[in-house]
């Protein structure tokens, strides 16, 4: 609204509200879009930083889980980090090296024994002596990690032996008895 000088006239110009506020609405949409893009970029950046920071922890966890399952035998490819993760990684590597050295020494003692020796854990062979492999006619690589059932003539024979031997082992730490076993070629013998 504008008054015209030297007259009684007033000039009025009317603009619809939507047209008048359109630049404000456009600015609001632009600002909202810019805020959403900035938030998405910030989230992506934060997720990337979190992944980089948490990745060594996940790698260490995965390696330890494989180690506990018995899948992990190598001291290689552990996370190489600074701080606590690096210290834990180096500690696990040292434990693996000590275990390997101890097993190598134990394997040497077992291989020089004149009798067949086998160390088992949870029903699987962990270590076997050279004489044990010779007696059963099975290579060490084919025995280690396998179920001890492979040297029994049947599952029933294994279960029967376990039922007889376990109470004796639990009470006296040894079992004295006879059992029929099977060599790698399928021939059986009394032990």
Protein backbone atom coordinates (compact mmCIF):
# COMPACT_ATOMS: atom_id res chain seq x y z
CA UNK A 1 0.00 0.00 0.00
CA UNK A 2 1.43 3.31 -1.07
CA UNK A 3 -0.03 6.81 -0.94
CA UNK A 4 0.32 8.92 -4.09
CA UNK A 5 1.55 12.45 -3.26
CA UNK A 6 -0.68 15.46 -4.00
CA UNK A 7 -3.72 13.29 -4.44
CA UNK A 8 -6.04 11.36 -2.31
CA UNK A 9 -5.16 8.20 -4.10
CA UNK A 10 -3.70 5.12 -2.49
CA UNK A 11 -2.14 2.41 -4.58
CA UNK A 12 -2.70 -1.07 -3.20
CA UNK A 13 -1.14 -4.15 -4.56
CA UNK A 14 -2.46 -7.52 -3.38
CA UNK A 15 -0.41 -10.70 -3.54
CA UNK A 16 -1.77 -14.08 -2.56
CA UNK A 17 -0.26 -15.37 0.66
CA UNK A 18 1.17 -18.55 -0.97
CA UNK A 19 3.03 -16.48 -3.59
CA UNK A 20 4.35 -14.04 -0.99
CA UNK A 21 5.64 -16.81 1.30
CA UNK A 22 6.94 -19.08 -1.50
CA UNK A 23 10.57 -17.92 -1.12
CA UNK A 24 10.38 -18.69 2.63
CA UNK A 25 8.97 -22.18 1.96
CA UNK A 26 11.67 -22.82 -0.67
CA UNK A 27 14.35 -21.70 1.79
CA UNK A 28 12.86 -23.97 4.47
CA UNK A 29 12.90 -27.00 2.08
CA UNK A 30 16.47 -26.24 1.03
CA UNK A 31 17.57 -25.94 4.66
CA UNK A 32 15.80 -29.23 5.58
CA UNK A 33 17.41 -31.06 2.65
CA UNK A 34 20.83 -29.63 3.55
CA UNK A 35 20.34 -30.72 7.18
CA UNK A 36 19.34 -34.26 6.11
CA UNK A 37 22.34 -34.56 3.78
CA UNK A 38 24.66 -33.24 6.50
CA UNK A 39 23.17 -35.67 9.04
CA UNK A 40 23.54 -38.60 6.62
CA UNK A 41 27.17 -37.67 5.91
CA UNK A 42 27.88 -37.27 9.62
CA UNK A 43 26.33 -40.70 10.34
CA UNK A 44 28.33 -42.31 7.53
CA UNK A 45 31.53 -40.70 8.81
CA UNK A 46 30.78 -41.77 12.40
CA UNK A 47 30.01 -45.33 11.23
CA UNK A 48 33.28 -45.42 9.27
CA UNK A 49 35.27 -44.20 12.26
CA UNK A 50 33.52 -46.71 14.55
CA UNK A 51 34.26 -49.53 12.09
CA UNK A 52 37.94 -48.58 11.86
CA UNK A 53 38.20 -48.37 15.66
CA UNK A 54 36.21 -51.56 16.39
CA UNK A 55 37.65 -53.73 13.58
CA UNK A 56 40.79 -54.82 15.49
CA UNK A 57 38.64 -55.82 18.46
CA UNK A 58 36.46 -57.93 16.17
CA UNK A 59 39.50 -59.49 14.50
CA UNK A 60 41.00 -60.34 17.88
CA UNK A 61 37.70 -61.83 19.07
CA UNK A 62 37.40 -63.93 15.91
CA UNK A 63 40.97 -65.20 16.21
CA UNK A 64 40.49 -66.12 19.87
CA UNK A 65 37.19 -67.92 19.11
CA UNK A 66 38.93 -69.93 16.36
CA UNK A 67 41.75 -70.68 18.78
CA UNK A 68 39.32 -71.95 21.42
CA UNK A 69 37.49 -74.10 18.86
CA UNK A 70 40.82 -75.59 17.82
CA UNK A 71 40.60 -74.14 14.30
CA UNK A 72 43.45 -71.69 14.88
CA UNK A 73 46.97 -73.03 14.97
CA UNK A 74 48.92 -70.18 13.39
CA UNK A 75 50.61 -67.33 15.19
CA UNK A 76 50.40 -65.23 12.01
CA UNK A 77 47.93 -62.54 10.96
CA UNK A 78 46.92 -61.32 14.40
CA UNK A 79 45.83 -57.65 14.62
CA UNK A 80 48.88 -55.38 14.78
CA UNK A 81 47.67 -52.47 16.90
CA UNK A 82 48.89 -50.17 19.63
CA UNK A 83 47.48 -50.00 23.13
CA UNK A 84 45.46 -52.74 24.81
CA UNK A 85 44.40 -54.52 21.62
CA UNK A 86 48.01 -54.76 20.47
CA UNK A 87 49.12 -55.98 23.90
CA UNK A 88 46.42 -58.67 23.96
CA UNK A 89 47.26 -59.70 20.40
CA UNK A 90 50.97 -60.01 21.23
CA UNK A 91 50.07 -61.94 24.39
CA UNK A 92 48.02 -64.48 22.44
CA UNK A 93 50.81 -64.82 19.88
CA UNK A 94 53.30 -65.50 22.66
CA UNK A 95 50.97 -68.10 24.20
CA UNK A 96 50.67 -69.83 20.82
CA UNK A 97 54.44 -69.86 20.38
CA UNK A 98 54.90 -71.28 23.89
CA UNK A 99 52.22 -73.92 23.24
CA UNK A 100 53.84 -74.89 19.94
CA UNK A 101 57.27 -75.17 21.57
CA UNK A 102 55.82 -77.26 24.40
CA UNK A 103 53.99 -79.51 21.94
CA UNK A 104 57.14 -79.93 19.85
CA UNK A 105 59.05 -81.01 22.96
CA UNK A 106 56.26 -83.30 24.07
CA UNK A 107 55.99 -84.79 20.56
CA UNK A 108 59.73 -85.51 20.59
CA UNK A 109 59.43 -87.33 23.92
CA UNK A 110 56.41 -89.30 22.70
CA UNK A 111 58.14 -90.24 19.43
CA UNK A 112 61.09 -91.69 21.34
CA UNK A 113 58.89 -93.82 23.59
CA UNK A 114 58.94 -97.55 22.86
CA UNK A 115 55.20 -97.87 23.40
CA UNK A 116 52.31 -96.32 21.51
CA UNK A 117 51.07 -93.17 23.23
CA UNK A 118 48.11 -90.96 22.39
CA UNK A 119 46.81 -87.81 24.05
CA UNK A 120 43.12 -87.20 23.59
CA UNK A 121 40.73 -84.42 24.48
CA UNK A 122 36.95 -84.64 24.34
CA UNK A 123 37.10 -87.85 22.34
CA UNK A 124 39.55 -86.61 19.69
CA UNK A 125 43.25 -87.38 19.19
CA UNK A 126 45.46 -84.38 19.94
CA UNK A 127 48.88 -86.00 19.80
CA UNK A 128 50.03 -89.50 18.84
CA UNK A 129 53.46 -91.08 19.03
CA UNK A 130 55.34 -92.64 16.15
CA UNK A 131 54.90 -96.10 17.70
CA UNK A 132 51.15 -95.53 18.04
CA UNK A 133 50.95 -94.71 14.31
CA UNK A 134 53.03 -97.79 13.48
CA UNK A 135 50.84 -100.03 15.64
CA UNK A 136 47.65 -98.81 13.99
CA UNK A 137 49.10 -98.39 10.50
CA UNK A 138 47.70 -94.87 10.23
CA UNK A 139 49.66 -91.70 9.49
CA UNK A 140 49.80 -89.05 12.19
CA UNK A 141 48.12 -86.43 9.97
CA UNK A 142 45.14 -88.75 9.49
CA UNK A 143 44.75 -89.36 13.26
CA UNK A 144 45.30 -85.97 14.89
CA UNK A 145 41.97 -84.17 15.20
CA UNK A 146 39.95 -87.32 14.45
CA UNK A 147 37.57 -89.03 16.84
CA UNK A 148 39.08 -91.84 18.89
CA UNK A 149 36.25 -94.04 17.58
CA UNK A 150 38.32 -94.67 14.40
CA UNK A 151 40.43 -97.30 16.22
CA UNK A 152 37.44 -99.28 17.54
CA UNK A 153 35.75 -102.05 15.56
CA UNK A 154 32.30 -100.47 16.01
CA UNK A 155 30.42 -97.71 17.79
CA UNK A 156 29.07 -100.34 20.19
CA UNK A 157 32.61 -101.47 21.06
CA UNK A 158 33.60 -97.85 21.69
CA UNK A 159 30.56 -97.25 23.93
CA UNK A 160 31.17 -100.51 25.82
CA UNK A 161 34.84 -99.62 26.38
CA UNK A 162 33.90 -96.11 27.56
CA UNK A 163 31.36 -97.55 30.01
CA UNK A 164 34.02 -99.91 31.46
CA UNK A 165 37.02 -97.59 31.43
CA UNK A 166 35.59 -94.26 32.56
CA UNK A 167 34.78 -95.27 36.17
CA UNK A 168 38.26 -96.76 36.55
CA UNK A 169 39.90 -93.64 35.13
CA UNK A 170 37.83 -91.45 37.42
CA UNK A 171 38.71 -93.47 40.53
CA UNK A 172 42.27 -94.60 39.92
CA UNK A 173 43.53 -92.62 36.92
CA UNK A 174 44.09 -95.80 34.91
CA UNK A 175 42.28 -98.66 33.26
CA UNK A 176 43.58 -102.22 33.09
CA UNK A 177 41.67 -104.42 30.72
CA UNK A 178 41.46 -105.86 27.23
CA UNK A 179 39.74 -104.39 24.21
CA UNK A 180 39.55 -105.24 20.51
CA UNK A 181 40.93 -102.43 18.33
CA UNK A 182 41.16 -101.89 14.59
CA UNK A 183 44.16 -100.95 12.45
CA UNK A 184 43.96 -98.57 9.49
CA UNK A 185 43.67 -101.49 7.06
CA UNK A 186 40.65 -102.87 8.97
CA UNK A 187 42.43 -105.80 10.69
CA UNK A 188 41.58 -106.18 14.37
CA UNK A 189 43.81 -107.03 17.33
CA UNK A 190 43.55 -107.38 21.09
CA UNK A 191 45.07 -104.62 23.19
